[in-house]
N, C-alpha and C. Protein backbone atom coordinates (compact mmCIF):
# COMPACT_ATOMS: atom_id res chain seq x y z
N UNK A 1 -36.98 -38.75 9.55
CA UNK A 1 -36.84 -37.56 9.65
C UNK A 1 -36.32 -37.64 7.93
N UNK A 2 -36.67 -36.73 6.94
CA UNK A 2 -35.97 -36.82 5.65
C UNK A 2 -35.32 -35.38 5.70
N UNK A 3 -34.34 -35.36 5.58
CA UNK A 3 -32.99 -33.94 5.47
C UNK A 3 -33.29 -33.73 3.92
N UNK A 4 -33.73 -32.32 4.03
CA UNK A 4 -34.03 -31.53 2.40
C UNK A 4 -32.42 -31.14 1.51
N UNK A 5 -32.51 -31.42 0.57
CA UNK A 5 -30.81 -31.06 -0.15
C UNK A 5 -31.19 -30.07 -0.67
N UNK A 6 -30.13 -29.27 -0.69
CA UNK A 6 -30.25 -28.19 -1.44
C UNK A 6 -29.81 -28.18 -3.31
N UNK A 7 -30.59 -27.43 -3.65
CA UNK A 7 -30.58 -27.44 -5.53
C UNK A 7 -29.52 -25.99 -5.47
N UNK A 8 -28.41 -25.87 -5.80
CA UNK A 8 -27.63 -24.73 -6.29
C UNK A 8 -28.14 -24.18 -7.50
N UNK A 9 -27.72 -23.32 -7.93
CA UNK A 9 -27.92 -22.62 -9.73
C UNK A 9 -26.87 -23.20 -10.43
N UNK A 10 -26.66 -23.28 -11.60
CA UNK A 10 -25.46 -23.52 -12.47
C UNK A 10 -24.60 -22.63 -12.29
N UNK A 11 -23.45 -23.07 -12.75
CA UNK A 11 -22.35 -22.15 -13.18
C UNK A 11 -22.80 -21.10 -13.94
N UNK A 12 -22.21 -19.83 -13.54
CA UNK A 12 -22.30 -19.04 -14.37
C UNK A 12 -23.51 -18.08 -13.93
N UNK A 13 -24.24 -18.81 -12.87
CA UNK A 13 -25.63 -18.16 -12.19
C UNK A 13 -25.42 -17.84 -11.32
N UNK A 14 -23.87 -17.70 -10.19
CA UNK A 14 -23.87 -17.80 -9.20
C UNK A 14 -24.56 -16.35 -8.64
N UNK A 15 -24.79 -16.70 -7.50
CA UNK A 15 -25.59 -15.24 -6.82
C UNK A 15 -24.42 -14.60 -6.25
N UNK A 16 -24.19 -13.35 -6.53
CA UNK A 16 -22.92 -12.61 -5.73
C UNK A 16 -23.59 -12.05 -4.67
N UNK A 17 -23.12 -12.32 -2.89
CA UNK A 17 -23.68 -11.73 -1.88
C UNK A 17 -23.27 -10.36 -1.93
N UNK A 18 -22.34 -9.66 -2.54
CA UNK A 18 -22.32 -8.32 -2.62
C UNK A 18 -23.15 -7.30 -3.09
N UNK A 19 -24.24 -7.29 -2.83
CA UNK A 19 -25.61 -6.85 -2.88
C UNK A 19 -26.72 -6.43 -1.87
N UNK A 20 -27.85 -6.02 -2.39
CA UNK A 20 -28.74 -5.72 -1.23
C UNK A 20 -27.69 -5.18 -0.16
N UNK A 21 -28.10 -5.29 0.86
CA UNK A 21 -27.65 -4.60 2.33
C UNK A 21 -26.29 -4.81 2.87
N UNK A 22 -25.55 -5.61 1.93
CA UNK A 22 -24.29 -6.32 2.02
C UNK A 22 -23.58 -5.28 2.28
N UNK A 23 -23.01 -4.51 1.63
CA UNK A 23 -22.34 -3.48 2.44
C UNK A 23 -22.70 -2.48 3.27
N UNK A 24 -24.01 -2.49 3.50
CA UNK A 24 -24.18 -1.59 5.01
C UNK A 24 -23.89 -2.22 6.10
N UNK A 25 -23.91 -3.80 6.13
CA UNK A 25 -23.63 -5.00 7.23
C UNK A 25 -22.03 -4.92 7.33
N UNK A 26 -21.55 -4.82 6.13
CA UNK A 26 -19.77 -4.63 6.11
C UNK A 26 -19.42 -3.53 7.24
N UNK A 27 -20.13 -2.49 6.54
CA UNK A 27 -20.13 -1.06 7.28
C UNK A 27 -19.72 -1.08 8.86
N UNK A 28 -21.15 -1.90 9.16
CA UNK A 28 -21.37 -1.74 10.30
C UNK A 28 -20.73 -2.45 11.39
N UNK A 29 -20.22 -3.46 10.33
CA UNK A 29 -19.35 -5.01 11.63
C UNK A 29 -17.91 -4.04 11.48
N UNK A 30 -17.69 -3.64 10.76
CA UNK A 30 -16.30 -2.75 10.88
C UNK A 30 -16.31 -1.85 11.46
N UNK A 31 -17.18 -1.16 12.23
CA UNK A 31 -17.41 -0.12 12.67
C UNK A 31 -17.55 -0.55 14.03
N UNK A 32 -18.03 -1.19 14.09
CA UNK A 32 -18.62 -2.08 15.97
C UNK A 32 -17.15 -2.28 16.44
N UNK A 33 -16.17 -2.99 15.05
CA UNK A 33 -15.11 -4.03 15.56
C UNK A 33 -14.11 -2.54 16.04
N UNK A 34 -14.14 -2.11 15.25
CA UNK A 34 -13.10 -0.42 15.51
C UNK A 34 -13.46 0.31 16.78
N UNK A 35 -14.46 0.34 17.09
CA UNK A 35 -15.56 0.61 18.41
C UNK A 35 -14.79 -0.27 19.72
N UNK A 36 -15.05 -1.39 19.22
CA UNK A 36 -14.15 -2.38 20.56
C UNK A 36 -13.11 -2.24 20.97
N UNK A 37 -11.73 -2.16 19.58
CA UNK A 37 -10.54 -2.35 19.40
C UNK A 37 -10.53 -0.78 20.39
N UNK A 38 -11.29 0.38 20.08
CA UNK A 38 -10.54 1.55 20.99
C UNK A 38 -11.35 1.65 22.53
N UNK A 39 -11.94 0.79 22.99
CA UNK A 39 -12.38 0.61 24.09
C UNK A 39 -12.18 -0.74 24.84
N UNK A 40 -11.34 -1.70 24.58
CA UNK A 40 -10.84 -2.57 25.11
C UNK A 40 -9.66 -3.24 24.76
N UNK A 41 -8.69 -3.96 25.87
CA UNK A 41 -7.45 -4.45 25.29
C UNK A 41 -8.05 -5.70 24.56
N UNK A 42 -7.37 -6.50 23.42
CA UNK A 42 -7.60 -7.48 22.57
C UNK A 42 -7.36 -8.79 23.42
N UNK A 43 -7.16 -8.58 24.66
CA UNK A 43 -6.96 -9.64 25.63
C UNK A 43 -7.76 -9.78 26.69
N UNK A 44 -8.65 -8.94 26.59
CA UNK A 44 -10.04 -9.03 27.54
C UNK A 44 -10.78 -10.16 27.29
N UNK A 45 -11.34 -10.91 28.02
CA UNK A 45 -12.90 -11.74 27.85
C UNK A 45 -13.91 -11.43 26.75
N UNK A 46 -14.11 -10.03 27.20
CA UNK A 46 -15.22 -9.62 26.61
C UNK A 46 -14.98 -9.20 25.14
N UNK A 47 -13.77 -8.56 24.78
CA UNK A 47 -13.41 -7.92 23.82
C UNK A 47 -13.14 -9.98 22.28
N UNK A 48 -12.67 -10.39 22.95
CA UNK A 48 -12.62 -12.00 22.72
C UNK A 48 -14.10 -12.20 22.04
N UNK A 49 -15.07 -12.01 22.93
CA UNK A 49 -16.07 -12.70 23.09
C UNK A 49 -17.12 -11.95 21.93
N UNK A 50 -17.05 -10.57 22.10
CA UNK A 50 -17.46 -9.85 21.03
C UNK A 50 -17.27 -9.63 19.54
N UNK A 51 -15.59 -10.34 19.57
CA UNK A 51 -15.53 -10.28 18.27
C UNK A 51 -15.00 -11.77 17.46
N UNK A 52 -16.15 -12.79 18.30
CA UNK A 52 -16.12 -14.50 17.96
C UNK A 52 -16.32 -14.48 16.48
N UNK A 53 -17.38 -13.54 15.92
CA UNK A 53 -18.00 -13.73 14.47
C UNK A 53 -17.84 -12.83 13.95
N UNK A 54 -16.97 -11.95 14.00
CA UNK A 54 -16.96 -10.53 12.93
C UNK A 54 -16.29 -11.11 12.08
N UNK A 55 -15.20 -11.58 11.85
CA UNK A 55 -14.21 -12.07 10.84
C UNK A 55 -15.27 -12.86 9.56
N UNK A 56 -16.04 -12.87 9.73
CA UNK A 56 -16.83 -14.02 8.92
C UNK A 56 -18.19 -13.82 8.62
N UNK A 57 -19.30 -12.77 9.32
CA UNK A 57 -20.35 -11.96 9.72
C UNK A 57 -21.02 -11.97 8.49
N UNK A 58 -20.19 -10.95 7.19
CA UNK A 58 -20.54 -10.52 6.38
C UNK A 58 -21.55 -11.48 5.38
N UNK A 59 -21.10 -12.27 5.28
CA UNK A 59 -21.47 -13.84 4.37
C UNK A 59 -22.30 -14.90 5.51
N UNK A 60 -21.84 -14.64 6.51
CA UNK A 60 -22.59 -15.73 7.32
C UNK A 60 -23.97 -15.05 7.75
N UNK A 61 -24.49 -13.77 7.83
CA UNK A 61 -25.66 -13.65 8.05
C UNK A 61 -26.71 -13.75 7.21
N UNK A 62 -27.70 -13.76 7.49
CA UNK A 62 -28.90 -14.29 6.68
C UNK A 62 -29.30 -15.88 6.66
N UNK A 63 -29.88 -15.88 5.73
CA UNK A 63 -30.60 -17.26 5.10
C UNK A 63 -29.68 -18.55 5.19
N UNK A 64 -29.42 -19.43 5.53
CA UNK A 64 -28.61 -20.41 5.87
C UNK A 64 -28.35 -20.87 4.24
N UNK A 65 -29.52 -21.02 3.55
CA UNK A 65 -28.92 -21.55 2.01
C UNK A 65 -28.39 -20.48 1.34
N UNK A 66 -28.87 -19.26 1.63
CA UNK A 66 -28.27 -18.51 0.70
C UNK A 66 -26.81 -18.25 0.54
N UNK A 67 -26.78 -18.82 1.88
CA UNK A 67 -24.95 -18.49 2.52
C UNK A 67 -24.38 -20.01 1.59
N UNK A 68 -25.01 -20.86 1.18
CA UNK A 68 -24.21 -21.69 0.10
C UNK A 68 -24.36 -21.50 -1.22
N UNK A 69 -25.49 -20.79 -1.52
CA UNK A 69 -25.65 -20.32 -3.06
C UNK A 69 -24.76 -19.39 -3.39
N UNK A 70 -23.90 -18.25 -2.54
CA UNK A 70 -23.72 -17.47 -2.78
C UNK A 70 -21.59 -17.82 -2.74
N UNK A 71 -21.64 -19.09 -2.27
CA UNK A 71 -20.01 -19.60 -2.10
C UNK A 71 -19.46 -19.33 -3.47
N UNK A 72 -18.63 -18.47 -3.11
CA UNK A 72 -17.77 -18.54 -4.77
C UNK A 72 -17.52 -19.67 -6.01
N UNK A 73 -16.63 -20.61 -5.17
CA UNK A 73 -16.20 -21.83 -5.94
C UNK A 73 -16.64 -22.99 -5.32
N UNK A 74 -16.67 -24.08 -5.82
CA UNK A 74 -16.80 -25.11 -5.68
C UNK A 74 -16.08 -26.46 -6.11
N UNK A 75 -15.95 -27.36 -5.23
CA UNK A 75 -14.97 -28.60 -6.07
C UNK A 75 -16.04 -29.42 -7.12
N UNK A 76 -15.40 -29.79 -7.68
CA UNK A 76 -15.91 -30.55 -9.43
C UNK A 76 -16.78 -31.81 -8.67
N UNK A 77 -16.87 -32.13 -7.74
CA UNK A 77 -17.83 -33.05 -6.87
C UNK A 77 -19.31 -32.49 -6.52
N UNK A 78 -19.08 -31.29 -6.42
CA UNK A 78 -20.27 -30.74 -6.10
C UNK A 78 -21.41 -30.18 -7.16
N UNK A 79 -21.92 -30.72 -8.00
CA UNK A 79 -22.60 -30.62 -9.04
C UNK A 79 -23.85 -29.52 -8.69
N UNK A 80 -23.64 -28.70 -9.47
CA UNK A 80 -24.84 -27.31 -9.48
C UNK A 80 -26.01 -27.96 -10.29
N UNK A 81 -27.32 -27.46 -10.20
CA UNK A 81 -28.24 -27.91 -10.56
C UNK A 81 -28.95 -28.99 -10.04
N UNK A 82 -28.32 -29.63 -9.10
CA UNK A 82 -29.00 -31.03 -8.65
C UNK A 82 -29.18 -31.21 -7.03
N UNK A 83 -29.95 -31.78 -6.83
CA UNK A 83 -30.17 -31.86 -4.95
C UNK A 83 -28.75 -31.94 -4.27
N UNK A 84 -28.46 -31.96 -3.27
CA UNK A 84 -27.23 -32.47 -3.13
C UNK A 84 -27.06 -31.75 -1.20
N UNK A 85 -25.91 -32.18 -0.97
CA UNK A 85 -25.39 -32.25 0.43
C UNK A 85 -24.32 -31.62 -0.37
N UNK A 86 -23.42 -30.56 0.59
CA UNK A 86 -22.02 -29.82 0.56
C UNK A 86 -21.81 -29.31 2.10
N UNK A 87 -20.23 -29.22 2.03
CA UNK A 87 -19.64 -27.94 2.98
C UNK A 87 -19.54 -26.84 2.88
N UNK A 88 -19.80 -25.66 3.13
CA UNK A 88 -19.39 -24.35 2.99
C UNK A 88 -17.81 -24.42 3.52
N UNK A 89 -16.45 -24.17 3.12
CA UNK A 89 -15.69 -23.89 3.32
C UNK A 89 -15.19 -22.20 3.37
N UNK A 90 -14.77 -22.00 4.43
CA UNK A 90 -13.73 -20.65 4.24
C UNK A 90 -12.53 -20.70 4.27
N UNK A 91 -11.80 -20.19 3.10
CA UNK A 91 -10.35 -20.17 2.56
C UNK A 91 -9.64 -19.53 3.82
N UNK A 92 -10.49 -18.51 4.60
CA UNK A 92 -9.12 -17.99 5.13
C UNK A 92 -9.73 -18.08 6.73
N UNK A 93 -8.77 -17.73 7.42
CA UNK A 93 -9.23 -18.29 8.59
C UNK A 93 -9.71 -17.02 9.55
N UNK A 94 -10.58 -17.18 10.90
CA UNK A 94 -10.75 -15.90 11.45
C UNK A 94 -9.58 -15.46 12.31
N UNK A 95 -8.79 -16.77 12.53
CA UNK A 95 -7.66 -16.10 13.24
C UNK A 95 -7.03 -15.01 12.66
N UNK A 96 -6.74 -15.45 11.20
CA UNK A 96 -5.82 -14.83 10.71
C UNK A 96 -6.21 -13.07 10.81
N UNK A 97 -7.70 -13.73 10.38
CA UNK A 97 -8.71 -12.12 9.71
C UNK A 97 -8.45 -11.26 10.81
N UNK A 98 -8.46 -11.76 12.30
CA UNK A 98 -8.44 -11.16 13.12
C UNK A 98 -6.84 -10.80 13.52
N UNK A 99 -6.49 -11.12 13.17
CA UNK A 99 -4.97 -10.56 13.05
C UNK A 99 -4.48 -9.45 12.39
N UNK A 100 -5.23 -9.39 10.43
CA UNK A 100 -4.55 -8.46 10.15
C UNK A 100 -5.76 -6.88 10.71
N UNK A 101 -6.87 -7.21 10.80
CA UNK A 101 -7.65 -6.16 11.24
C UNK A 101 -6.87 -5.51 12.83
N UNK A 102 -7.06 -6.48 13.73
CA UNK A 102 -6.21 -5.30 14.81
C UNK A 102 -5.13 -5.11 14.54
N UNK A 103 -3.92 -5.43 13.76
CA UNK A 103 -2.87 -4.83 13.36
C UNK A 103 -2.77 -3.57 12.77
N UNK A 104 -3.54 -3.72 11.76
CA UNK A 104 -4.18 -2.38 10.93
C UNK A 104 -4.58 -1.44 12.09
N UNK A 105 -5.65 -1.55 12.77
CA UNK A 105 -6.43 -0.89 13.26
C UNK A 105 -5.73 -0.34 14.81
N UNK A 106 -5.08 -1.19 15.07
CA UNK A 106 -4.52 -0.68 16.83
C UNK A 106 -3.80 0.03 15.80
N UNK A 107 -2.52 0.44 15.20
CA UNK A 107 -1.84 0.89 14.53
C UNK A 107 -2.40 2.38 13.96
N UNK A 108 -3.31 2.18 13.18
CA UNK A 108 -3.93 3.31 13.04
C UNK A 108 -4.91 4.25 14.13
N UNK A 109 -5.25 3.42 15.21
CA UNK A 109 -5.63 4.28 15.91
C UNK A 109 -4.61 4.83 16.86
N UNK A 110 -3.29 4.55 17.12
CA UNK A 110 -2.50 4.87 18.26
C UNK A 110 -1.86 6.11 17.21
N UNK A 111 -1.99 6.23 15.72
CA UNK A 111 -1.37 7.41 15.15
C UNK A 111 -2.56 7.92 14.79
N UNK A 112 -3.74 8.37 15.25
CA UNK A 112 -4.74 9.10 14.98
C UNK A 112 -5.09 9.24 13.95
N UNK A 113 -4.85 8.30 13.27
CA UNK A 113 -6.01 8.23 11.75
C UNK A 113 -7.70 8.46 11.96
N UNK A 114 -8.15 8.96 10.89
CA UNK A 114 -9.49 9.64 11.05
C UNK A 114 -10.04 8.32 11.15
N UNK A 115 -11.14 7.99 12.21
CA UNK A 115 -12.02 6.85 12.13
C UNK A 115 -12.36 6.72 11.16
N UNK A 116 -13.21 7.67 9.93
CA UNK A 116 -13.86 7.03 9.17
C UNK A 116 -13.20 6.31 8.06
N UNK A 117 -11.56 6.31 7.92
CA UNK A 117 -10.45 5.78 7.13
C UNK A 117 -10.17 4.31 7.81
N UNK A 118 -9.89 4.45 9.24
CA UNK A 118 -10.52 3.12 9.83
C UNK A 118 -11.19 1.90 9.36
N UNK A 119 -12.30 2.36 9.51
CA UNK A 119 -12.99 1.35 9.79
C UNK A 119 -13.57 1.22 8.06
N UNK A 120 -13.08 1.98 6.99
CA UNK A 120 -13.08 1.90 5.83
C UNK A 120 -11.93 0.66 5.32
N UNK A 121 -10.49 0.66 5.97
CA UNK A 121 -9.65 -0.43 6.05
C UNK A 121 -10.26 -1.68 6.20
N UNK A 122 -10.80 -1.62 8.00
CA UNK A 122 -11.08 -2.44 8.23
C UNK A 122 -12.50 -3.34 7.02
N UNK A 123 -13.45 -2.52 7.00
CA UNK A 123 -14.24 -3.32 6.38
C UNK A 123 -13.58 -3.52 4.73
N UNK A 124 -12.68 -3.24 4.29
CA UNK A 124 -11.85 -3.60 3.26
C UNK A 124 -10.89 -4.98 3.33
N UNK A 125 -10.34 -5.12 4.60
CA UNK A 125 -9.82 -6.55 5.06
C UNK A 125 -10.86 -7.24 5.02
N UNK A 126 -11.89 -7.37 6.20
CA UNK A 126 -12.76 -8.25 6.16
C UNK A 126 -13.40 -9.05 4.90
N UNK A 127 -13.77 -7.88 3.57
CA UNK A 127 -14.28 -7.90 2.87
C UNK A 127 -13.89 -8.76 1.55
N UNK A 128 -12.01 -8.57 1.76
CA UNK A 128 -11.62 -9.09 0.77
C UNK A 128 -11.14 -11.34 1.29
N UNK A 129 -11.75 -11.07 2.25
CA UNK A 129 -11.63 -12.63 3.10
C UNK A 129 -13.22 -13.16 2.84
N UNK A 130 -14.20 -12.90 3.03
CA UNK A 130 -15.58 -13.58 2.60
C UNK A 130 -15.93 -14.41 1.68
N UNK A 131 -15.27 -14.66 0.77
CA UNK A 131 -15.74 -15.63 -0.27
C UNK A 131 -15.45 -16.97 0.36
N UNK A 132 -16.42 -17.65 -0.27
CA UNK A 132 -16.13 -19.07 0.34
C UNK A 132 -16.51 -20.39 -0.59
N UNK A 133 -16.13 -21.75 -0.70
CA UNK A 133 -15.71 -22.86 -1.47
C UNK A 133 -16.78 -24.01 -1.00
N UNK A 134 -17.42 -24.49 -1.82
CA UNK A 134 -17.93 -25.98 -1.58
C UNK A 134 -17.51 -27.26 -1.81
N UNK A 135 -17.39 -27.75 -0.70
CA UNK A 135 -16.91 -29.19 -0.96
C UNK A 135 -18.06 -30.44 -0.75
N UNK A 136 -17.96 -31.58 -1.22
CA UNK A 136 -18.62 -32.17 -1.05
C UNK A 136 -19.20 -32.82 0.39
N UNK A 137 -18.12 -32.49 0.88
CA UNK A 137 -18.95 -33.23 2.45
C UNK A 137 -17.79 -32.39 3.72
N UNK A 138 -18.27 -32.40 4.88
CA UNK A 138 -17.20 -31.81 5.96
C UNK A 138 -16.29 -32.44 6.10
N UNK A 139 -15.94 -33.45 5.80
CA UNK A 139 -14.27 -34.22 5.67
C UNK A 139 -13.40 -33.78 4.77
N UNK A 140 -13.05 -32.64 5.15
CA UNK A 140 -11.88 -32.33 4.00
C UNK A 140 -11.25 -33.04 3.69
N UNK A 141 -10.50 -33.53 4.89
CA UNK A 141 -9.57 -34.16 4.31
C UNK A 141 -9.64 -35.82 2.77
N UNK A 142 -10.67 -35.98 3.07
CA UNK A 142 -11.29 -37.02 1.79
C UNK A 142 -10.83 -36.09 0.35
N UNK A 143 -11.01 -34.85 0.99
CA UNK A 143 -10.87 -34.19 -0.69
C UNK A 143 -9.53 -33.25 -0.85
N UNK A 144 -8.87 -33.77 -0.11
CA UNK A 144 -7.16 -33.34 -0.66
C UNK A 144 -6.83 -32.13 -0.11
N UNK A 145 -7.71 -31.45 0.65
CA UNK A 145 -7.79 -30.25 1.24
C UNK A 145 -6.55 -30.61 2.32
N UNK A 146 -5.89 -29.24 2.65
CA UNK A 146 -4.82 -29.38 3.77
C UNK A 146 -5.65 -28.42 4.81
N UNK A 147 -6.02 -28.98 6.04
CA UNK A 147 -6.77 -28.74 6.88
C UNK A 147 -6.23 -28.19 8.43
N UNK A 148 -5.10 -28.42 8.52
CA UNK A 148 -3.82 -28.70 9.47
C UNK A 148 -4.28 -26.83 10.28
N UNK A 149 -3.90 -27.22 11.60
CA UNK A 149 -4.73 -25.62 12.47
C UNK A 149 -3.80 -24.49 11.87
N UNK A 150 -4.33 -23.77 11.39
CA UNK A 150 -3.79 -22.11 11.11
C UNK A 150 -3.53 -21.87 9.99
N UNK A 151 -3.84 -23.17 9.28
CA UNK A 151 -3.21 -22.92 7.84
C UNK A 151 -4.22 -21.90 6.61
N UNK A 152 -3.98 -21.04 6.24
CA UNK A 152 -4.66 -19.88 6.09
C UNK A 152 -4.55 -19.46 4.39
N UNK A 153 -5.88 -19.29 3.60
CA UNK A 153 -5.79 -19.06 2.04
C UNK A 153 -5.96 -20.00 1.00
N UNK A 154 -6.36 -19.77 -0.09
CA UNK A 154 -6.51 -20.64 -1.20
C UNK A 154 -5.49 -21.36 -1.59
N UNK A 155 -4.62 -20.86 -1.66
CA UNK A 155 -3.21 -21.20 -1.76
C UNK A 155 -2.52 -22.58 -0.63
N UNK A 156 -2.38 -22.28 0.31
CA UNK A 156 -2.11 -22.92 1.44
C UNK A 156 -2.82 -24.47 1.45
N UNK A 157 -4.43 -23.92 1.60
CA UNK A 157 -5.19 -25.28 1.62
C UNK A 157 -5.51 -25.79 0.33
N UNK A 158 -5.69 -25.20 -0.68
CA UNK A 158 -6.16 -25.75 -1.86
C UNK A 158 -5.43 -26.29 -3.10
N UNK A 159 -3.66 -25.34 -2.67
CA UNK A 159 -2.97 -26.32 -4.09
C UNK A 159 -3.07 -27.42 -4.55
N UNK A 160 -3.12 -28.28 -3.74
CA UNK A 160 -2.93 -29.83 -4.05
C UNK A 160 -3.96 -30.37 -5.17
N UNK A 161 -5.06 -29.48 -5.18
CA UNK A 161 -6.60 -29.94 -5.94
C UNK A 161 -7.10 -28.37 -6.92
N UNK A 162 -6.24 -27.82 -6.75
CA UNK A 162 -6.49 -26.72 -8.18
C UNK A 162 -6.94 -26.84 -8.90
N UNK A 163 -7.15 -27.82 -9.82
CA UNK A 163 -7.84 -28.14 -11.20
C UNK A 163 -9.03 -28.76 -10.80
N UNK A 164 -9.30 -29.06 -9.51
CA UNK A 164 -10.34 -29.75 -9.18
C UNK A 164 -11.60 -28.15 -8.93
N UNK A 165 -11.09 -27.50 -8.74
CA UNK A 165 -11.85 -26.13 -8.28
C UNK A 165 -12.25 -25.39 -9.53
N UNK A 166 -13.98 -25.07 -9.33
CA UNK A 166 -14.48 -24.33 -10.80
C UNK A 166 -15.09 -22.72 -9.99
N UNK A 167 -14.83 -21.76 -10.31
CA UNK A 167 -15.34 -20.78 -10.05
C UNK A 167 -16.75 -20.28 -10.33
N UNK A 168 -17.70 -20.26 -9.82
CA UNK A 168 -19.14 -20.48 -9.79
C UNK A 168 -19.46 -19.74 -10.35
N UNK A 169 -18.74 -18.57 -10.62
CA UNK A 169 -18.89 -17.02 -11.63
C UNK A 169 -19.09 -17.48 -12.99
N UNK A 170 -17.84 -17.84 -13.55
CA UNK A 170 -17.30 -17.96 -14.89
C UNK A 170 -18.01 -19.18 -15.40
N UNK A 171 -17.92 -20.73 -14.30
CA UNK A 171 -17.70 -21.39 -14.66
C UNK A 171 -16.33 -22.32 -15.46
N UNK A 172 -15.40 -21.30 -14.79
CA UNK A 172 -14.36 -21.55 -15.45
C UNK A 172 -13.69 -22.25 -14.36
N UNK A 173 -12.46 -23.42 -14.44
CA UNK A 173 -12.06 -24.62 -13.84
C UNK A 173 -10.56 -23.59 -13.77
N UNK A 174 -9.98 -23.69 -12.41
CA UNK A 174 -9.14 -23.23 -11.56
C UNK A 174 -7.76 -23.88 -11.13
N UNK A 175 -6.87 -23.16 -11.45
CA UNK A 175 -5.24 -23.84 -11.36
C UNK A 175 -4.37 -23.08 -10.33
N UNK A 176 -3.26 -23.93 -9.95
CA UNK A 176 -2.68 -23.39 -9.29
C UNK A 176 -2.04 -21.86 -9.29
N UNK A 177 -2.03 -21.70 -10.54
CA UNK A 177 -1.52 -19.98 -11.09
C UNK A 177 -2.80 -19.40 -10.44
N UNK A 178 -3.91 -19.46 -11.37
CA UNK A 178 -5.25 -18.91 -10.73
C UNK A 178 -5.42 -18.48 -9.09
N UNK A 179 -5.10 -19.68 -8.58
CA UNK A 179 -5.12 -19.25 -7.09
C UNK A 179 -4.49 -18.00 -6.65
N UNK A 180 -2.93 -18.41 -6.88
CA UNK A 180 -1.70 -17.38 -6.25
C UNK A 180 -2.42 -16.18 -7.01
N UNK A 181 -2.80 -16.38 -8.30
CA UNK A 181 -3.55 -14.42 -8.07
C UNK A 181 -4.70 -13.91 -7.77
N UNK A 182 -5.40 -14.91 -7.12
CA UNK A 182 -6.85 -14.55 -6.27
C UNK A 182 -6.21 -13.99 -4.83
N UNK A 183 -5.16 -15.01 -4.42
CA UNK A 183 -4.09 -14.44 -3.12
C UNK A 183 -3.85 -12.79 -3.51
N UNK A 184 -3.13 -13.36 -4.26
CA UNK A 184 -2.76 -11.72 -4.57
C UNK A 184 -3.30 -10.82 -4.45
N UNK A 185 -4.38 -10.82 -5.74
CA UNK A 185 -5.45 -9.70 -5.54
C UNK A 185 -5.81 -9.47 -4.38
N UNK A 186 -6.36 -10.08 -2.83
CA UNK A 186 -7.07 -10.05 -2.01
C UNK A 186 -5.95 -9.02 -0.99
N UNK A 187 -4.65 -9.74 -1.14
CA UNK A 187 -3.47 -9.35 -0.38
C UNK A 187 -3.26 -7.56 -0.46
N UNK A 188 -3.14 -7.71 -2.02
CA UNK A 188 -3.16 -6.39 -2.66
C UNK A 188 -3.96 -4.97 -2.19
N UNK A 189 -5.10 -5.88 -1.85
CA UNK A 189 -6.53 -4.83 -1.40
C UNK A 189 -6.64 -4.62 0.07
N UNK A 190 -5.72 -4.87 0.94
CA UNK A 190 -5.69 -5.28 2.53
C UNK A 190 -4.36 -3.67 2.48
N UNK A 191 -3.24 -3.95 1.61
CA UNK A 191 -2.29 -3.23 1.50
C UNK A 191 -2.87 -1.69 0.60
N UNK A 192 -3.35 -1.84 -0.01
CA UNK A 192 -3.68 -0.49 -0.40
C UNK A 192 -5.02 -0.02 0.37
N UNK A 193 -5.62 -0.50 1.24
CA UNK A 193 -6.54 0.31 2.18
C UNK A 193 -5.62 0.51 3.25
N UNK A 194 -4.60 -0.45 3.36
CA UNK A 194 -3.45 0.84 4.66
C UNK A 194 -2.61 2.07 4.40
N UNK A 195 -2.84 1.85 3.08
CA UNK A 195 -1.93 3.00 2.71
C UNK A 195 -2.99 3.86 2.24
N UNK A 196 -4.30 3.88 2.13
CA UNK A 196 -5.12 5.09 1.91
C UNK A 196 -5.55 5.43 2.99
N UNK A 197 -5.57 4.84 4.11
CA UNK A 197 -5.73 5.15 5.64
C UNK A 197 -4.58 5.93 5.51
N UNK A 198 -3.42 5.97 5.58
CA UNK A 198 -2.18 6.63 5.54
C UNK A 198 -2.24 8.07 5.26
N UNK A 199 -2.63 7.87 3.96
CA UNK A 199 -3.02 9.27 2.83
C UNK A 199 -4.13 10.25 3.71
N UNK A 200 -4.84 9.46 3.92
CA UNK A 200 -5.87 10.05 4.71
C UNK A 200 -5.92 11.14 5.96
N UNK A 201 -4.65 10.67 6.46
CA UNK A 201 -4.51 10.86 7.75
C UNK A 201 -3.63 12.00 7.16
N UNK A 202 -2.97 12.45 6.66
CA UNK A 202 -2.12 13.26 5.95
C UNK A 202 -2.79 14.33 5.08
N UNK A 203 -3.75 14.28 4.85
CA UNK A 203 -4.63 14.93 4.16
C UNK A 203 -5.10 16.07 4.73
């Protein structure tokens, strides 16, 4: 059997997945998650199963090739424009995303925050942790990735190989400082979403 290798567009022609029906799916995902938190304890087996895929659903949804094409970053050994095989990495773990969503949403629900604001906040948390990275193979340790259990985020996972990573949107090479900037921007978005929910509740 012949395995068809994918061909990725060149850097600078990266396909942004935040388009088309993405935001509708993101909102539906957040709304469904809030509904589950409103009606089931996080310890219940039903809740655990129902939310298993939600942390990464928006980017995972749809055609598999598009999921790879839309990866924001790549290791320098993944050469775009050539037939290749690659592994699509999620820098941010499902577990940590779940903790962030649950911590925010449960507190907001208990404090009577408007549902629309809670859904908006959950959507922001999910969206801030969607972007992915392409590695040459699934054997992450071969490429200097820190892949211990529960290690989360660009800085914790890729700081040792920061200068080998390329932003496919701009074509620019990353570095440790840039990884920290990206992480801070994502973290700030999550904090801002929580603050917005509080302000909305007081309006």
